[in-house]
Amino acid sequence: MLTWIIVILLILWLLGYFGPNVFAGFPRSGNAVHILLVIVVILVLLNLLGII
């Protein structure tokens, strides 16, 4: 379950980061990209430490 959440957050982060450059109509996400990246990093670290 946690793995799927991490994968979905990474995909959303990649879409937010590269989306406006690839698709002209894709909205710019601003700080949401960085927030998603921080959440993914925290989840990965917690998973590696065995807390979650």
PDB file of N, CA and C in Angstrom:
ATOM      1  N   MET A   1       0.825  -1.193   0.000  1.00  0.00           N
ATOM      2  CA  MET A   1       0.000   0.000   0.000  1.00  0.00           C
ATOM      3  C   MET A   1       0.871   1.260   0.000  1.00  0.00           C
ATOM      4  N   LEU A   2       1.860   1.291   0.871  1.00  0.00           N
ATOM      5  CA  LEU A   2       2.743   2.453   0.933  1.00  0.00           C
ATOM      6  C   LEU A   2       3.529   2.608  -0.368  1.00  0.00           C
ATOM      7  N   THR A   3       3.898   1.497  -0.960  1.00  0.00           N
ATOM      8  CA  THR A   3       4.634   1.546  -2.220  1.00  0.00           C
ATOM      9  C   THR A   3       3.798   2.212  -3.307  1.00  0.00           C
ATOM     10  N   TRP A   4       2.507   1.901  -3.346  1.00  0.00           N
ATOM     11  CA  TRP A   4       1.636   2.505  -4.360  1.00  0.00           C
ATOM     12  C   TRP A   4       1.482   4.000  -4.126  1.00  0.00           C
ATOM     13  N   ILE A   5       1.411   4.402  -2.870  1.00  0.00           N
ATOM     14  CA  ILE A   5       1.304   5.830  -2.562  1.00  0.00           C
ATOM     15  C   ILE A   5       2.566   6.553  -3.014  1.00  0.00           C
ATOM     16  N   ILE A   6       3.722   5.945  -2.767  1.00  0.00           N
ATOM     17  CA  ILE A   6       4.986   6.549  -3.193  1.00  0.00           C
ATOM     18  C   ILE A   6       5.052   6.647  -4.709  1.00  0.00           C
ATOM     19  N   VAL A   7       4.639   5.598  -5.400  1.00  0.00           N
ATOM     20  CA  VAL A   7       4.662   5.604  -6.868  1.00  0.00           C
ATOM     21  C   VAL A   7       3.721   6.668  -7.410  1.00  0.00           C
ATOM     22  N   ILE A   8       2.519   6.773  -6.855  1.00  0.00           N
ATOM     23  CA  ILE A   8       1.560   7.770  -7.327  1.00  0.00           C
ATOM     24  C   ILE A   8       2.083   9.180  -7.079  1.00  0.00           C
ATOM     25  N   LEU A   9       2.667   9.422  -5.904  1.00  0.00           N
ATOM     26  CA  LEU A   9       3.219  10.745  -5.611  1.00  0.00           C
ATOM     27  C   LEU A   9       4.386  11.083  -6.534  1.00  0.00           C
ATOM     28  N   LEU A  10       5.214  10.093  -6.846  1.00  0.00           N
ATOM     29  CA  LEU A  10       6.324  10.337  -7.777  1.00  0.00           C
ATOM     30  C   LEU A  10       5.811  10.670  -9.174  1.00  0.00           C
ATOM     31  N   ILE A  11       4.777   9.956  -9.620  1.00  0.00           N
ATOM     32  CA  ILE A  11       4.206  10.232 -10.935  1.00  0.00           C
ATOM     33  C   ILE A  11       3.603  11.633 -10.969  1.00  0.00           C
ATOM     34  N   LEU A  12       2.883  11.997  -9.908  1.00  0.00           N
ATOM     35  CA  LEU A  12       2.319  13.343  -9.850  1.00  0.00           C
ATOM     36  C   LEU A  12       3.416  14.408  -9.817  1.00  0.00           C
ATOM     37  N   TRP A  13       4.508  14.109  -9.104  1.00  0.00           N
ATOM     38  CA  TRP A  13       5.620  15.051  -9.061  1.00  0.00           C
ATOM     39  C   TRP A  13       6.242  15.215 -10.448  1.00  0.00           C
ATOM     40  N   LEU A  14       6.443  14.098 -11.140  1.00  0.00           N
ATOM     41  CA  LEU A  14       7.019  14.172 -12.482  1.00  0.00           C
ATOM     42  C   LEU A  14       6.098  14.917 -13.444  1.00  0.00           C
ATOM     43  N   LEU A  15       4.803  14.672 -13.334  1.00  0.00           N
ATOM     44  CA  LEU A  15       3.863  15.409 -14.185  1.00  0.00           C
ATOM     45  C   LEU A  15       3.895  16.906 -13.876  1.00  0.00           C
ATOM     46  N   GLY A  16       3.975  17.248 -12.611  1.00  0.00           N
ATOM     47  CA  GLY A  16       4.030  18.655 -12.247  1.00  0.00           C
ATOM     48  C   GLY A  16       5.320  19.325 -12.669  1.00  0.00           C
ATOM     49  N   TYR A  17       6.408  18.571 -12.659  1.00  0.00           N
ATOM     50  CA  TYR A  17       7.708  19.149 -13.002  1.00  0.00           C
ATOM     51  C   TYR A  17       7.899  19.259 -14.516  1.00  0.00           C
ATOM     52  N   PHE A  18       7.607  18.146 -15.226  1.00  0.00           N
ATOM     53  CA  PHE A  18       7.851  18.119 -16.668  1.00  0.00           C
ATOM     54  C   PHE A  18       6.609  18.403 -17.496  1.00  0.00           C
ATOM     55  N   GLY A  19       5.431  18.386 -16.879  1.00  0.00           N
ATOM     56  CA  GLY A  19       4.176  18.542 -17.610  1.00  0.00           C
ATOM     57  C   GLY A  19       4.075  19.809 -18.434  1.00  0.00           C
ATOM     58  N   PRO A  20       4.317  20.983 -17.848  1.00  0.00           N
ATOM     59  CA  PRO A  20       4.183  22.220 -18.625  1.00  0.00           C
ATOM     60  C   PRO A  20       5.173  22.312 -19.789  1.00  0.00           C
ATOM     61  N   ASN A  21       6.313  21.657 -19.688  1.00  0.00           N
ATOM     62  CA  ASN A  21       7.284  21.688 -20.782  1.00  0.00           C
ATOM     63  C   ASN A  21       6.880  20.761 -21.917  1.00  0.00           C
ATOM     64  N   VAL A  22       6.234  19.642 -21.580  1.00  0.00           N
ATOM     65  CA  VAL A  22       5.859  18.646 -22.587  1.00  0.00           C
ATOM     66  C   VAL A  22       4.494  18.964 -23.179  1.00  0.00           C
ATOM     67  N   PHE A  23       3.521  19.258 -22.331  1.00  0.00           N
ATOM     68  CA  PHE A  23       2.164  19.554 -22.766  1.00  0.00           C
ATOM     69  C   PHE A  23       1.896  21.033 -22.513  1.00  0.00           C
ATOM     70  N   ALA A  24       1.613  21.776 -23.588  1.00  0.00           N
ATOM     71  CA  ALA A  24       1.443  23.224 -23.463  1.00  0.00           C
ATOM     72  C   ALA A  24       0.240  23.581 -22.593  1.00  0.00           C
ATOM     73  N   GLY A  25      -0.820  22.784 -22.610  1.00  0.00           N
ATOM     74  CA  GLY A  25      -2.021  23.104 -21.859  1.00  0.00           C
ATOM     75  C   GLY A  25      -1.991  22.659 -20.412  1.00  0.00           C
ATOM     76  N   PHE A  26      -0.913  22.001 -19.987  1.00  0.00           N
ATOM     77  CA  PHE A  26      -0.821  21.490 -18.622  1.00  0.00           C
ATOM     78  C   PHE A  26      -0.571  22.650 -17.667  1.00  0.00           C
ATOM     79  N   PRO A  27      -1.334  22.732 -16.567  1.00  0.00           N
ATOM     80  CA  PRO A  27      -1.161  23.887 -15.659  1.00  0.00           C
ATOM     81  C   PRO A  27       0.159  23.835 -14.897  1.00  0.00           C
ATOM     82  N   ARG A  28       0.664  25.013 -14.578  1.00  0.00           N
ATOM     83  CA  ARG A  28       1.873  25.095 -13.778  1.00  0.00           C
ATOM     84  C   ARG A  28       1.502  24.871 -12.317  1.00  0.00           C
ATOM     85  N   SER A  29       2.298  24.039 -11.630  1.00  0.00           N
ATOM     86  CA  SER A  29       1.912  23.641 -10.280  1.00  0.00           C
ATOM     87  C   SER A  29       2.667  24.393  -9.184  1.00  0.00           C
ATOM     88  N   GLY A  30       3.737  25.065  -9.509  1.00  0.00           N
ATOM     89  CA  GLY A  30       4.448  25.879  -8.530  1.00  0.00           C
ATOM     90  C   GLY A  30       5.015  25.074  -7.367  1.00  0.00           C
ATOM     91  N   ASN A  31       4.664  25.469  -6.153  1.00  0.00           N
ATOM     92  CA  ASN A  31       5.228  24.855  -4.959  1.00  0.00           C
ATOM     93  C   ASN A  31       4.684  23.462  -4.686  1.00  0.00           C
ATOM     94  N   ALA A  32       3.578  23.080  -5.316  1.00  0.00           N
ATOM     95  CA  ALA A  32       3.011  21.749  -5.092  1.00  0.00           C
ATOM     96  C   ALA A  32       3.997  20.657  -5.507  1.00  0.00           C
ATOM     97  N   VAL A  33       4.818  20.938  -6.505  1.00  0.00           N
ATOM     98  CA  VAL A  33       5.824  19.969  -6.947  1.00  0.00           C
ATOM     99  C   VAL A  33       6.798  19.686  -5.815  1.00  0.00           C
ATOM    100  N   HIS A  34       7.255  20.725  -5.149  1.00  0.00           N
ATOM    101  CA  HIS A  34       8.221  20.546  -4.077  1.00  0.00           C
ATOM    102  C   HIS A  34       7.591  19.880  -2.858  1.00  0.00           C
ATOM    103  N   ILE A  35       6.348  20.190  -2.576  1.00  0.00           N
ATOM    104  CA  ILE A  35       5.659  19.557  -1.453  1.00  0.00           C
ATOM    105  C   ILE A  35       5.517  18.058  -1.702  1.00  0.00           C
ATOM    106  N   LEU A  36       5.143  17.668  -2.926  1.00  0.00           N
ATOM    107  CA  LEU A  36       5.035  16.245  -3.259  1.00  0.00           C
ATOM    108  C   LEU A  36       6.384  15.548  -3.132  1.00  0.00           C
ATOM    109  N   LEU A  37       7.438  16.213  -3.564  1.00  0.00           N
ATOM    110  CA  LEU A  37       8.769  15.621  -3.473  1.00  0.00           C
ATOM    111  C   LEU A  37       9.178  15.408  -2.021  1.00  0.00           C
ATOM    112  N   VAL A  38       8.900  16.359  -1.162  1.00  0.00           N
ATOM    113  CA  VAL A  38       9.235  16.222   0.252  1.00  0.00           C
ATOM    114  C   VAL A  38       8.441  15.084   0.878  1.00  0.00           C
ATOM    115  N   ILE A  39       7.158  14.963   0.539  1.00  0.00           N
ATOM    116  CA  ILE A  39       6.334  13.874   1.074  1.00  0.00           C
ATOM    117  C   ILE A  39       6.878  12.532   0.638  1.00  0.00           C
ATOM    118  N   VAL A  40       7.269  12.415  -0.625  1.00  0.00           N
ATOM    119  CA  VAL A  40       7.818  11.151  -1.132  1.00  0.00           C
ATOM    120  C   VAL A  40       9.109  10.801  -0.410  1.00  0.00           C
ATOM    121  N   VAL A  41       9.984  11.773  -0.219  1.00  0.00           N
ATOM    122  CA  VAL A  41      11.257  11.508   0.453  1.00  0.00           C
ATOM    123  C   VAL A  41      11.021  11.066   1.894  1.00  0.00           C
ATOM    124  N   ILE A  42      10.102  11.721   2.582  1.00  0.00           N
ATOM    125  CA  ILE A  42       9.804  11.340   3.960  1.00  0.00           C
ATOM    126  C   ILE A  42       9.233   9.930   4.027  1.00  0.00           C
ATOM    127  N   LEU A  43       8.312   9.601   3.123  1.00  0.00           N
ATOM    128  CA  LEU A  43       7.729   8.258   3.112  1.00  0.00           C
ATOM    129  C   LEU A  43       8.772   7.187   2.816  1.00  0.00           C
ATOM    130  N   VAL A  44       9.666   7.473   1.888  1.00  0.00           N
ATOM    131  CA  VAL A  44      10.722   6.502   1.563  1.00  0.00           C
ATOM    132  C   VAL A  44      11.639   6.303   2.761  1.00  0.00           C
ATOM    133  N   LEU A  45      12.031   7.382   3.425  1.00  0.00           N
ATOM    134  CA  LEU A  45      12.902   7.257   4.595  1.00  0.00           C
ATOM    135  C   LEU A  45      12.224   6.491   5.729  1.00  0.00           C
ATOM    136  N   LEU A  46      10.961   6.776   5.976  1.00  0.00           N
ATOM    137  CA  LEU A  46      10.228   6.052   7.018  1.00  0.00           C
ATOM    138  C   LEU A  46      10.100   4.579   6.670  1.00  0.00           C
ATOM    139  N   ASN A  47       9.906   4.298   5.388  1.00  0.00           N
ATOM    140  CA  ASN A  47       9.812   2.907   4.959  1.00  0.00           C
ATOM    141  C   ASN A  47      11.152   2.189   5.113  1.00  0.00           C
ATOM    142  N   LEU A  48      12.243   2.859   4.791  1.00  0.00           N
ATOM    143  CA  LEU A  48      13.561   2.241   4.932  1.00  0.00           C
ATOM    144  C   LEU A  48      13.935   2.007   6.392  1.00  0.00           C
ATOM    145  N   LEU A  49      13.502   2.906   7.258  1.00  0.00           N
ATOM    146  CA  LEU A  49      13.786   2.761   8.679  1.00  0.00           C
ATOM    147  C   LEU A  49      12.868   1.731   9.358  1.00  0.00           C
ATOM    148  N   GLY A  50      11.832   1.331   8.656  1.00  0.00           N
ATOM    149  CA  GLY A  50      10.921   0.325   9.192  1.00  0.00           C
ATOM    150  C   GLY A  50       9.881   0.879  10.130  1.00  0.00           C
ATOM    151  N   ILE A  51       9.700   2.177  10.133  1.00  0.00           N
ATOM    152  CA  ILE A  51       8.708   2.809  10.992  1.00  0.00           C
ATOM    153  C   ILE A  51       7.303   2.577  10.445  1.00  0.00           C
ATOM    154  N   ILE A  52       7.182   2.630   9.155  1.00  0.00           N
ATOM    155  CA  ILE A  52       5.878   2.400   8.509  1.00  0.00           C
ATOM    156  C   ILE A  52       5.884   1.020   7.881  1.00  0.00           C
TER     157      ILE A  52
END
